[in-house]
C-alpha atoms as a PDB file:
ATOM      1  CA  UNK A   1      30.351 -10.467  41.295  1.00  0.00           C
ATOM      2  CA  UNK A   2      34.021 -10.336  39.643  1.00  0.00           C
ATOM      3  CA  UNK A   3      35.233 -14.194  38.559  1.00  0.00           C
ATOM      4  CA  UNK A   4      37.378 -15.414  35.662  1.00  0.00           C
ATOM      5  CA  UNK A   5      36.423 -15.226  32.155  1.00  0.00           C
ATOM      6  CA  UNK A   6      37.336 -18.768  31.524  1.00  0.00           C
ATOM      7  CA  UNK A   7      34.879 -19.881  34.444  1.00  0.00           C
ATOM      8  CA  UNK A   8      32.169 -18.497  32.104  1.00  0.00           C
ATOM      9  CA  UNK A   9      33.126 -20.095  28.912  1.00  0.00           C
ATOM     10  CA  UNK A  10      32.214 -23.253  27.310  1.00  0.00           C
ATOM     11  CA  UNK A  11      34.861 -25.548  25.014  1.00  0.00           C
ATOM     12  CA  UNK A  12      33.304 -23.490  22.308  1.00  0.00           C
ATOM     13  CA  UNK A  13      34.211 -20.308  23.834  1.00  0.00           C
ATOM     14  CA  UNK A  14      30.567 -19.509  24.172  1.00  0.00           C
ATOM     15  CA  UNK A  15      29.821 -17.984  27.035  1.00  0.00           C
ATOM     16  CA  UNK A  16      27.394 -19.906  29.417  1.00  0.00           C
ATOM     17  CA  UNK A  17      23.935 -18.763  29.991  1.00  0.00           C
ATOM     18  CA  UNK A  18      23.115 -16.654  33.111  1.00  0.00           C
ATOM     19  CA  UNK A  19      20.659 -19.469  34.725  1.00  0.00           C
ATOM     20  CA  UNK A  20      23.818 -21.767  34.976  1.00  0.00           C
ATOM     21  CA  UNK A  21      25.096 -20.011  37.494  1.00  0.00           C
ATOM     22  CA  UNK A  22      24.412 -19.677  41.311  1.00  0.00           C
ATOM     23  CA  UNK A  23      26.494 -17.284  43.243  1.00  0.00           C
ATOM     24  CA  UNK A  24      26.818 -18.389  47.092  1.00  0.00           C
ATOM     25  CA  UNK A  25      27.560 -15.667  49.814  1.00  0.00           C
ATOM     26  CA  UNK A  26      27.547 -15.570  53.656  1.00  0.00           C
ATOM     27  CA  UNK A  27      29.913 -18.221  55.454  1.00  0.00           C
ATOM     28  CA  UNK A  28      32.925 -20.354  55.681  1.00  0.00           C
ATOM     29  CA  UNK A  29      31.098 -23.748  54.858  1.00  0.00           C
ATOM     30  CA  UNK A  30      28.862 -24.889  52.304  1.00  0.00           C
ATOM     31  CA  UNK A  31      26.222 -25.725  55.080  1.00  0.00           C
ATOM     32  CA  UNK A  32      25.758 -21.875  55.880  1.00  0.00           C
ATOM     33  CA  UNK A  33      25.857 -20.379  51.972  1.00  0.00           C
ATOM     34  CA  UNK A  34      22.841 -18.391  50.814  1.00  0.00           C
ATOM     35  CA  UNK A  35      22.558 -18.536  47.180  1.00  0.00           C
ATOM     36  CA  UNK A  36      21.766 -15.938  44.404  1.00  0.00           C
ATOM     37  CA  UNK A  37      20.759 -16.392  40.952  1.00  0.00           C
ATOM     38  CA  UNK A  38      22.599 -14.601  38.302  1.00  0.00           C
ATOM     39  CA  UNK A  39      20.516 -12.372  35.414  1.00  0.00           C
ATOM     40  CA  UNK A  40      23.783 -11.292  33.275  1.00  0.00           C
ATOM     41  CA  UNK A  41      26.914 -12.958  32.399  1.00  0.00           C
ATOM     42  CA  UNK A  42      29.506 -10.442  31.162  1.00  0.00           C
ATOM     43  CA  UNK A  43      32.888 -11.781  29.779  1.00  0.00           C
ATOM     44  CA  UNK A  44      35.527  -9.094  29.027  1.00  0.00           C
ATOM     45  CA  UNK A  45      35.498  -8.463  25.283  1.00  0.00           C
ATOM     46  CA  UNK A  46      39.361  -8.695  24.983  1.00  0.00           C
ATOM     47  CA  UNK A  47      39.410 -11.832  26.623  1.00  0.00           C
ATOM     48  CA  UNK A  48      41.444 -14.354  24.441  1.00  0.00           C
ATOM     49  CA  UNK A  49      41.410 -18.123  25.185  1.00  0.00           C
ATOM     50  CA  UNK A  50      44.561 -19.099  23.627  1.00  0.00           C
ATOM     51  CA  UNK A  51      46.661 -16.527  25.843  1.00  0.00           C
ATOM     52  CA  UNK A  52      43.971 -15.679  28.868  1.00  0.00           C
ATOM     53  CA  UNK A  53      44.655 -12.172  28.323  1.00  0.00           C
ATOM     54  CA  UNK A  54      41.597 -10.517  30.263  1.00  0.00           C
ATOM     55  CA  UNK A  55      40.274 -13.582  31.840  1.00  0.00           C
ATOM     56  CA  UNK A  56      37.720 -11.327  33.525  1.00  0.00           C
ATOM     57  CA  UNK A  57      33.866 -11.711  33.831  1.00  0.00           C
ATOM     58  CA  UNK A  58      31.193  -9.925  35.221  1.00  0.00           C
ATOM     59  CA  UNK A  59      28.260 -11.653  37.231  1.00  0.00           C
ATOM     60  CA  UNK A  60      25.070  -9.564  37.769  1.00  0.00           C
ATOM     61  CA  UNK A  61      22.676 -10.645  40.395  1.00  0.00           C
ATOM     62  CA  UNK A  62      18.826 -11.405  40.101  1.00  0.00           C
ATOM     63  CA  UNK A  63      18.598  -9.702  43.756  1.00  0.00           C
ATOM     64  CA  UNK A  64      21.423  -7.182  45.285  1.00  0.00           C
ATOM     65  CA  UNK A  65      23.347  -8.964  48.309  1.00  0.00           C
ATOM     66  CA  UNK A  66      22.949  -7.420  51.443  1.00  0.00           C
ATOM     67  CA  UNK A  67      26.078  -7.074  53.381  1.00  0.00           C
ATOM     68  CA  UNK A  68      26.471  -8.336  56.857  1.00  0.00           C
ATOM     69  CA  UNK A  69      29.374  -9.027  59.494  1.00  0.00           C
ATOM     70  CA  UNK A  70      29.820 -12.093  57.171  1.00  0.00           C
ATOM     71  CA  UNK A  71      28.906 -10.416  54.079  1.00  0.00           C
ATOM     72  CA  UNK A  72      31.564  -7.890  52.601  1.00  0.00           C
ATOM     73  CA  UNK A  73      32.732  -6.933  49.319  1.00  0.00           C
ATOM     74  CA  UNK A  74      36.555  -7.550  49.109  1.00  0.00           C
ATOM     75  CA  UNK A  75      39.078  -5.009  48.393  1.00  0.00           C
ATOM     76  CA  UNK A  76      40.687  -4.785  44.563  1.00  0.00           C
ATOM     77  CA  UNK A  77      44.499  -5.062  45.500  1.00  0.00           C
ATOM     78  CA  UNK A  78      45.714  -1.661  43.772  1.00  0.00           C
ATOM     79  CA  UNK A  79      49.401  -2.168  45.054  1.00  0.00           C
ATOM     80  CA  UNK A  80      52.292  -3.578  43.392  1.00  0.00           C
ATOM     81  CA  UNK A  81      53.812  -7.111  43.978  1.00  0.00           C
ATOM     82  CA  UNK A  82      57.565  -8.074  44.067  1.00  0.00           C
ATOM     83  CA  UNK A  83      58.918 -11.422  43.980  1.00  0.00           C
ATOM     84  CA  UNK A  84      58.517 -13.431  47.311  1.00  0.00           C
ATOM     85  CA  UNK A  85      55.596 -11.535  48.375  1.00  0.00           C
ATOM     86  CA  UNK A  86      53.217 -13.239  50.319  1.00  0.00           C
ATOM     87  CA  UNK A  87      49.689 -13.062  48.749  1.00  0.00           C
ATOM     88  CA  UNK A  88      46.642 -15.062  49.791  1.00  0.00           C
ATOM     89  CA  UNK A  89      44.219 -17.261  47.807  1.00  0.00           C
ATOM     90  CA  UNK A  90      40.907 -18.396  48.891  1.00  0.00           C
ATOM     91  CA  UNK A  91      38.574 -21.155  46.951  1.00  0.00           C
ATOM     92  CA  UNK A  92      36.272 -24.048  47.211  1.00  0.00           C
ATOM     93  CA  UNK A  93      38.257 -25.844  44.893  1.00  0.00           C
ATOM     94  CA  UNK A  94      39.611 -29.733  44.936  1.00  0.00           C
ATOM     95  CA  UNK A  95      41.517 -30.730  48.225  1.00  0.00           C
ATOM     96  CA  UNK A  96      44.429 -33.056  48.290  1.00  0.00           C
ATOM     97  CA  UNK A  97      41.885 -35.740  48.621  1.00  0.00           C
ATOM     98  CA  UNK A  98      40.791 -34.884  45.125  1.00  0.00           C
ATOM     99  CA  UNK A  99      36.606 -33.649  46.442  1.00  0.00           C
ATOM    100  CA  UNK A 100      35.648 -30.110  46.540  1.00  0.00           C
ATOM    101  CA  UNK A 101      36.026 -28.477  49.513  1.00  0.00           C
ATOM    102  CA  UNK A 102      33.437 -28.234  52.150  1.00  0.00           C
ATOM    103  CA  UNK A 103      34.672 -25.407  53.999  1.00  0.00           C
ATOM    104  CA  UNK A 104      36.414 -22.015  52.438  1.00  0.00           C
ATOM    105  CA  UNK A 105      39.956 -23.397  51.759  1.00  0.00           C
ATOM    106  CA  UNK A 106      42.876 -20.572  52.068  1.00  0.00           C
ATOM    107  CA  UNK A 107      46.456 -20.620  51.297  1.00  0.00           C
ATOM    108  CA  UNK A 108      49.347 -18.139  51.415  1.00  0.00           C
ATOM    109  CA  UNK A 109      51.517 -18.159  48.291  1.00  0.00           C
ATOM    110  CA  UNK A 110      54.804 -16.867  47.074  1.00  0.00           C
ATOM    111  CA  UNK A 111      54.784 -14.609  44.162  1.00  0.00           C
ATOM    112  CA  UNK A 112      57.073 -16.206  41.590  1.00  0.00           C
ATOM    113  CA  UNK A 113      60.649 -15.122  40.117  1.00  0.00           C
ATOM    114  CA  UNK A 114      60.026 -13.539  37.296  1.00  0.00           C
ATOM    115  CA  UNK A 115      62.899 -16.228  35.622  1.00  0.00           C
ATOM    116  CA  UNK A 116      61.233 -19.669  36.726  1.00  0.00           C
ATOM    117  CA  UNK A 117      57.655 -18.326  35.563  1.00  0.00           C
ATOM    118  CA  UNK A 118      58.717 -17.045  32.310  1.00  0.00           C
ATOM    119  CA  UNK A 119      59.372 -21.152  32.293  1.00  0.00           C
ATOM    120  CA  UNK A 120      56.071 -21.821  32.614  1.00  0.00           C
ATOM    121  CA  UNK A 121      54.340 -19.112  30.718  1.00  0.00           C
ATOM    122  CA  UNK A 122      56.575 -17.435  28.195  1.00  0.00           C
ATOM    123  CA  UNK A 123      54.601 -14.162  27.961  1.00  0.00           C
ATOM    124  CA  UNK A 124      54.604 -13.717  31.876  1.00  0.00           C
ATOM    125  CA  UNK A 125      55.800 -10.179  32.150  1.00  0.00           C
ATOM    126  CA  UNK A 126      56.999  -9.937  35.737  1.00  0.00           C
ATOM    127  CA  UNK A 127      54.942  -9.871  39.108  1.00  0.00           C
ATOM    128  CA  UNK A 128      53.229  -6.327  37.898  1.00  0.00           C
ATOM    129  CA  UNK A 129      52.373  -7.413  34.931  1.00  0.00           C
ATOM    130  CA  UNK A 130      49.201  -9.340  33.415  1.00  0.00           C
ATOM    131  CA  UNK A 131      49.619 -12.336  35.735  1.00  0.00           C
ATOM    132  CA  UNK A 132      50.407 -13.233  39.179  1.00  0.00           C
ATOM    133  CA  UNK A 133      52.827 -16.323  39.312  1.00  0.00           C
ATOM    134  CA  UNK A 134      52.883 -18.541  42.397  1.00  0.00           C
ATOM    135  CA  UNK A 135      55.414 -21.231  42.461  1.00  0.00           C
ATOM    136  CA  UNK A 136      55.156 -24.229  44.500  1.00  0.00           C
ATOM    137  CA  UNK A 137      58.759 -24.668  45.348  1.00  0.00           C
ATOM    138  CA  UNK A 138      58.554 -21.325  47.036  1.00  0.00           C
ATOM    139  CA  UNK A 139      55.421 -22.598  49.251  1.00  0.00           C
ATOM    140  CA  UNK A 140      57.057 -25.413  50.576  1.00  0.00           C
ATOM    141  CA  UNK A 141      55.801 -27.589  47.780  1.00  0.00           C
ATOM    142  CA  UNK A 142      52.419 -28.197  49.034  1.00  0.00           C
ATOM    143  CA  UNK A 143      50.200 -25.005  49.347  1.00  0.00           C
ATOM    144  CA  UNK A 144      48.504 -23.929  45.646  1.00  0.00           C
ATOM    145  CA  UNK A 145      45.017 -23.398  43.933  1.00  0.00           C
ATOM    146  CA  UNK A 146      43.207 -26.253  42.455  1.00  0.00           C
ATOM    147  CA  UNK A 147      40.428 -27.043  40.266  1.00  0.00           C
ATOM    148  CA  UNK A 148      37.651 -25.270  41.180  1.00  0.00           C
ATOM    149  CA  UNK A 149      39.490 -21.996  42.565  1.00  0.00           C
ATOM    150  CA  UNK A 150      39.472 -20.071  39.620  1.00  0.00           C
ATOM    151  CA  UNK A 151      37.634 -16.986  39.742  1.00  0.00           C
ATOM    152  CA  UNK A 152      38.098 -16.562  43.268  1.00  0.00           C
ATOM    153  CA  UNK A 153      40.037 -13.980  45.404  1.00  0.00           C
ATOM    154  CA  UNK A 154      44.186 -13.459  45.606  1.00  0.00           C
END
């Protein structure tokens, strides 16, 4: 399972034990999910906590996931992004109420304008660089990812 490197890393830049994690699959509500134990956590060796470069990790499951109509792998995007393109984020992170969602959330977001994104992150290198930047101002100011969405699909 692909996730973000910072999601598997503690404040001392050490990788958490595999037993810390449970991967849940199979539904869009928390009550419908099936739990899978993690046997191994592999963080990208090029992970840089300061710059967030290489922010990837792989969670190896103890048992394989069987695909079905409600469980499918997500295709990794191999195209190009342009400023203002629409992308979709999915996650179980905090909602406006401040608590974790019990139903899988999705938001359509616009890829940010390079000049504006550089203000937030001086290392930003455009819509096909290392990061994907989305801007609240392009998204009506009310759609975004939040705490708990990191590591999820975009």
